[in-house]
C-alpha atoms as a PDB file:
ATOM      1  CA  MET A   1      37.407 -88.054  12.185  1.00  0.00           C
ATOM      2  CA  ALA A   2      36.710 -84.350  12.413  1.00  0.00           C
ATOM      3  CA  GLU A   3      39.188 -81.879  11.015  1.00  0.00           C
ATOM      4  CA  ARG A   4      41.369 -80.259  13.656  1.00  0.00           C
ATOM      5  CA  SER A   5      41.776 -76.523  13.887  1.00  0.00           C
ATOM      6  CA  GLN A   6      44.970 -74.775  14.945  1.00  0.00           C
ATOM      7  CA  SER A   7      43.569 -73.901  18.399  1.00  0.00           C
ATOM      8  CA  GLU A   8      43.012 -77.545  19.421  1.00  0.00           C
ATOM      9  CA  ASN A   9      45.807 -78.989  21.508  1.00  0.00           C
ATOM     10  CA  VAL A  10      46.061 -82.781  21.002  1.00  0.00           C
ATOM     11  CA  ARG A  11      48.557 -85.101  22.706  1.00  0.00           C
ATOM     12  CA  VAL A  12      48.345 -88.851  22.078  1.00  0.00           C
ATOM     13  CA  VAL A  13      48.769 -90.805  25.312  1.00  0.00           C
ATOM     14  CA  THR A  14      48.593 -94.386  23.994  1.00  0.00           C
ATOM     15  CA  THR A  15      47.804 -96.297  20.826  1.00  0.00           C
ATOM     16  CA  ASN A  16      46.333 -99.771  20.502  1.00  0.00           C
ATOM     17  CA  ARG A  17      48.684-101.101  17.814  1.00  0.00           C
ATOM     18  CA  ARG A  18      47.357-104.625  18.277  1.00  0.00           C
ATOM     19  CA  ALA A  19      43.937-103.486  17.030  1.00  0.00           C
ATOM     20  CA  TYR A  20      45.342-102.621  13.605  1.00  0.00           C
ATOM     21  CA  HIS A  21      46.961-106.060  13.424  1.00  0.00           C
ATOM     22  CA  ASP A  22      43.880-108.055  14.469  1.00  0.00           C
ATOM     23  CA  TYR A  23      41.067-106.029  12.851  1.00  0.00           C
ATOM     24  CA  PHE A  24      40.026-104.153   9.724  1.00  0.00           C
ATOM     25  CA  ILE A  25      38.981-100.701  10.990  1.00  0.00           C
ATOM     26  CA  GLU A  26      35.974 -99.506   8.983  1.00  0.00           C
ATOM     27  CA  GLN A  27      34.922 -96.307  10.793  1.00  0.00           C
ATOM     28  CA  THR A  28      36.329 -94.252  13.639  1.00  0.00           C
ATOM     29  CA  TYR A  29      34.578 -92.090  16.215  1.00  0.00           C
ATOM     30  CA  GLU A  30      35.756 -89.751  18.954  1.00  0.00           C
ATOM     31  CA  ALA A  31      34.351 -90.357  22.423  1.00  0.00           C
ATOM     32  CA  GLY A  32      34.800 -88.597  25.725  1.00  0.00           C
ATOM     33  CA  LEU A  33      35.722 -90.599  28.794  1.00  0.00           C
ATOM     34  CA  ALA A  34      33.931 -90.408  32.155  1.00  0.00           C
ATOM     35  CA  LEU A  35      36.636 -90.625  34.837  1.00  0.00           C
ATOM     36  CA  ARG A  36      36.804 -90.695  38.630  1.00  0.00           C
ATOM     37  CA  GLY A  37      39.227 -89.144  41.073  1.00  0.00           C
ATOM     38  CA  SER A  38      42.835 -89.166  40.020  1.00  0.00           C
ATOM     39  CA  GLU A  39      42.408 -91.203  36.816  1.00  0.00           C
ATOM     40  CA  ILE A  40      43.055 -88.116  34.677  1.00  0.00           C
ATOM     41  CA  LYS A  41      46.444 -87.669  36.357  1.00  0.00           C
ATOM     42  CA  SER A  42      47.385 -91.244  35.482  1.00  0.00           C
ATOM     43  CA  ILE A  43      46.306 -90.654  31.890  1.00  0.00           C
ATOM     44  CA  ARG A  44      48.412 -87.491  31.692  1.00  0.00           C
ATOM     45  CA  ALA A  45      51.349 -89.508  33.033  1.00  0.00           C
ATOM     46  CA  GLY A  46      50.785 -92.100  30.273  1.00  0.00           C
ATOM     47  CA  ARG A  47      49.943 -94.954  32.637  1.00  0.00           C
ATOM     48  CA  VAL A  48      47.297 -96.426  30.308  1.00  0.00           C
ATOM     49  CA  ASN A  49      47.029 -99.730  28.437  1.00  0.00           C
ATOM     50  CA  LEU A  50      44.331-100.363  25.813  1.00  0.00           C
ATOM     51  CA  ARG A  51      45.441-103.889  24.887  1.00  0.00           C
ATOM     52  CA  ASP A  52      42.638-106.477  25.183  1.00  0.00           C
ATOM     53  CA  SER A  53      40.044-103.742  25.698  1.00  0.00           C
ATOM     54  CA  TYR A  54      36.837-103.254  23.763  1.00  0.00           C
ATOM     55  CA  ALA A  55      33.618-101.257  23.921  1.00  0.00           C
ATOM     56  CA  ARG A  56      30.004-102.414  24.145  1.00  0.00           C
ATOM     57  CA  VAL A  57      26.660-100.697  23.804  1.00  0.00           C
ATOM     58  CA  HIS A  58      24.469-101.655  26.757  1.00  0.00           C
ATOM     59  CA  ARG A  59      21.063-100.094  27.413  1.00  0.00           C
ATOM     60  CA  GLY A  60      21.749 -97.209  25.075  1.00  0.00           C
ATOM     61  CA  GLU A  61      25.115 -96.305  26.619  1.00  0.00           C
ATOM     62  CA  LEU A  62      28.630 -97.044  25.388  1.00  0.00           C
ATOM     63  CA  TRP A  63      31.023 -98.665  27.874  1.00  0.00           C
ATOM     64  CA  LEU A  64      34.787 -99.184  27.695  1.00  0.00           C
ATOM     65  CA  ILE A  65      35.695-102.622  29.051  1.00  0.00           C
ATOM     66  CA  GLY A  66      39.145-103.941  29.915  1.00  0.00           C
ATOM     67  CA  ALA A  67      41.159-100.723  29.607  1.00  0.00           C
ATOM     68  CA  HIS A  68      43.818-100.479  32.305  1.00  0.00           C
ATOM     69  CA  ILE A  69      44.453 -97.079  33.912  1.00  0.00           C
ATOM     70  CA  SER A  70      46.994 -97.521  36.702  1.00  0.00           C
ATOM     71  CA  PRO A  71      46.284 -95.816  40.029  1.00  0.00           C
ATOM     72  CA  TYR A  72      48.101 -92.527  40.480  1.00  0.00           C
ATOM     73  CA  PRO A  73      50.810 -93.148  43.121  1.00  0.00           C
ATOM     74  CA  GLN A  74      50.529 -89.730  44.818  1.00  0.00           C
ATOM     75  CA  ALA A  75      46.715 -89.903  45.053  1.00  0.00           C
ATOM     76  CA  SER A  76      44.814 -90.178  48.299  1.00  0.00           C
ATOM     77  CA  THR A  77      44.684 -93.703  49.714  1.00  0.00           C
ATOM     78  CA  HIS A  78      41.070 -93.516  50.902  1.00  0.00           C
ATOM     79  CA  GLU A  79      39.717 -93.414  47.350  1.00  0.00           C
ATOM     80  CA  ARG A  80      41.161 -96.385  45.450  1.00  0.00           C
ATOM     81  CA  TYR A  81      39.566 -97.708  42.276  1.00  0.00           C
ATOM     82  CA  ASP A  82      39.897-100.848  40.196  1.00  0.00           C
ATOM     83  CA  PRO A  83      42.340-100.117  37.337  1.00  0.00           C
ATOM     84  CA  ARG A  84      40.272-102.274  34.950  1.00  0.00           C
ATOM     85  CA  ARG A  85      36.861-100.965  35.929  1.00  0.00           C
ATOM     86  CA  VAL A  86      34.212-100.419  33.266  1.00  0.00           C
ATOM     87  CA  ARG A  87      34.176 -96.771  32.142  1.00  0.00           C
ATOM     88  CA  LYS A  88      31.454 -94.886  30.347  1.00  0.00           C
ATOM     89  CA  LEU A  89      32.229 -93.414  26.927  1.00  0.00           C
ATOM     90  CA  LEU A  90      30.462 -90.174  26.025  1.00  0.00           C
ATOM     91  CA  MET A  91      29.108 -89.843  22.493  1.00  0.00           C
ATOM     92  CA  HIS A  92      26.100 -88.395  20.713  1.00  0.00           C
ATOM     93  CA  ARG A  93      22.973 -90.557  20.811  1.00  0.00           C
ATOM     94  CA  HIS A  94      22.838 -91.039  17.011  1.00  0.00           C
ATOM     95  CA  GLN A  95      26.465 -92.250  16.984  1.00  0.00           C
ATOM     96  CA  ILE A  96      25.775 -94.739  19.779  1.00  0.00           C
ATOM     97  CA  ASN A  97      22.695 -96.004  17.927  1.00  0.00           C
ATOM     98  CA  ARG A  98      24.758 -96.461  14.753  1.00  0.00           C
ATOM     99  CA  LEU A  99      27.377 -98.433  16.689  1.00  0.00           C
ATOM    100  CA  ALA A 100      24.689-100.539  18.402  1.00  0.00           C
ATOM    101  CA  ILE A 101      23.230-101.578  15.050  1.00  0.00           C
ATOM    102  CA  ALA A 102      26.678-102.413  13.660  1.00  0.00           C
ATOM    103  CA  GLN A 103      27.634-104.316  16.820  1.00  0.00           C
ATOM    104  CA  GLU A 104      24.682-106.648  16.329  1.00  0.00           C
ATOM    105  CA  GLN A 105      26.006-107.738  12.921  1.00  0.00           C
ATOM    106  CA  LYS A 106      28.135-110.829  12.918  1.00  0.00           C
ATOM    107  CA  GLY A 107      31.885-110.215  12.949  1.00  0.00           C
ATOM    108  CA  TYR A 108      31.799-106.572  14.065  1.00  0.00           C
ATOM    109  CA  THR A 109      33.089-105.181  17.327  1.00  0.00           C
ATOM    110  CA  ILE A 110      33.980-101.788  18.777  1.00  0.00           C
ATOM    111  CA  ILE A 111      37.673-101.385  19.591  1.00  0.00           C
ATOM    112  CA  PRO A 112      39.485 -98.443  21.245  1.00  0.00           C
ATOM    113  CA  LEU A 113      42.262 -97.371  18.882  1.00  0.00           C
ATOM    114  CA  ARG A 114      43.991 -94.622  20.830  1.00  0.00           C
ATOM    115  CA  MET A 115      43.604 -92.424  23.879  1.00  0.00           C
ATOM    116  CA  TYR A 116      44.614 -88.798  23.756  1.00  0.00           C
ATOM    117  CA  LEU A 117      44.224 -85.486  25.532  1.00  0.00           C
ATOM    118  CA  LYS A 118      42.392 -82.852  23.517  1.00  0.00           C
ATOM    119  CA  ASN A 119      42.204 -79.432  25.141  1.00  0.00           C
ATOM    120  CA  ASN A 120      43.017 -81.140  28.480  1.00  0.00           C
ATOM    121  CA  ARG A 121      40.105 -83.578  28.188  1.00  0.00           C
ATOM    122  CA  ALA A 122      40.622 -87.333  27.873  1.00  0.00           C
ATOM    123  CA  LYS A 123      39.280 -88.696  24.594  1.00  0.00           C
ATOM    124  CA  VAL A 124      39.198 -92.184  23.127  1.00  0.00           C
ATOM    125  CA  GLU A 125      39.131 -92.900  19.416  1.00  0.00           C
ATOM    126  CA  VAL A 126      36.982 -95.992  18.925  1.00  0.00           C
ATOM    127  CA  GLY A 127      36.721 -97.905  15.699  1.00  0.00           C
ATOM    128  CA  LEU A 128      34.057-100.130  14.254  1.00  0.00           C
ATOM    129  CA  ALA A 129      36.136-103.180  13.425  1.00  0.00           C
ATOM    130  CA  ARG A 130      35.782-106.486  11.635  1.00  0.00           C
ATOM    131  CA  GLY A 131      38.110-109.306  12.684  1.00  0.00           C
ATOM    132  CA  LYS A 132      40.908-110.431  10.391  1.00  0.00           C
ATOM    133  CA  ARG A 133      41.391-114.056   9.533  1.00  0.00           C
ATOM    134  CA  VAL A 134      44.828-115.672   9.819  1.00  0.00           C
ATOM    135  CA  TYR A 135      45.452-115.445   6.069  1.00  0.00           C
ATOM    136  CA  ASP A 136      44.560-111.720   6.143  1.00  0.00           C
ATOM    137  CA  LYS A 137      47.206-111.171   8.819  1.00  0.00           C
ATOM    138  CA  ARG A 138      49.784-113.099   6.804  1.00  0.00           C
ATOM    139  CA  GLN A 139      48.965-111.054   3.724  1.00  0.00           C
ATOM    140  CA  ALA A 140      49.341-107.781   5.665  1.00  0.00           C
ATOM    141  CA  ILE A 141      52.723-108.938   7.022  1.00  0.00           C
ATOM    142  CA  ALA A 142      53.881-109.914   3.516  1.00  0.00           C
ATOM    143  CA  GLU A 143      52.850-106.503   2.144  1.00  0.00           C
ATOM    144  CA  ARG A 144      54.670-104.699   4.959  1.00  0.00           C
ATOM    145  CA  GLU A 145      57.826-106.771   4.352  1.00  0.00           C
ATOM    146  CA  ALA A 146      57.669-106.050   0.609  1.00  0.00           C
ATOM    147  CA  ARG A 147      57.406-102.302   1.322  1.00  0.00           C
ATOM    148  CA  ARG A 148      60.427-102.488   3.632  1.00  0.00           C
ATOM    149  CA  ARG A 149      62.473-104.354   1.006  1.00  0.00           C
ATOM    150  CA  MET A 150      61.588-101.726  -1.611  1.00  0.00           C
ATOM    151  CA  GLN A 151      62.569 -98.892   0.758  1.00  0.00           C
ATOM    152  CA  ARG A 152      65.892-100.574   1.530  1.00  0.00           C
ATOM    153  CA  ALA A 153      66.584-101.112  -2.171  1.00  0.00           C
ATOM    154  CA  LEU A 154      65.790 -97.456  -2.915  1.00  0.00           C
ATOM    155  CA  ALA A 155      68.022 -96.306  -0.068  1.00  0.00           C
ATOM    156  CA  ARG A 156      70.877 -98.510  -1.328  1.00  0.00           C
ATOM    157  CA  HIS A 157      70.395 -97.224  -4.867  1.00  0.00           C
ATOM    158  CA  ARG A 158      70.511 -93.593  -3.690  1.00  0.00           C
ATOM    159  CA  GLY A 159      73.640 -94.324  -1.675  1.00  0.00           C
ATOM    160  CA  CYS A 160      75.511 -95.651  -4.741  1.00  0.00           C
ATOM    161  CA  GLN A 161      75.217 -92.414  -6.699  1.00  0.00           C
END
């Protein structure tokens, strides 16, 4: 991901923690999000869920599928939208082409990792991901547990002195 300067204001709205559990993330990209009506207000309020969502390249455009952005309660009632509607992701053409080629390979998919506000614009960090097998997940859990045990042992050791 690009380096952030001091003038950029970034606030993470939601993170797809399940993606890190189910996939190996190989590359990440930043994408803009094409929104309608009051969706930006719901995002600012944190009413977003990225679980079970993914992205697809279709006809040269990148689309976010399955992301849930709840309707803003104070919004006008004459313009309602489907909270799970397909939304367009905005990226450079060469990045979309790179993702399209990778998506065609077996075992690769495009997963939204987190949604954040950057200079008051909604952005989605998408990752090119390869699915984990069950034994990979078990291994990751075992490594995490071992790290926790070591931290606890170090904390106990420091407390004895």
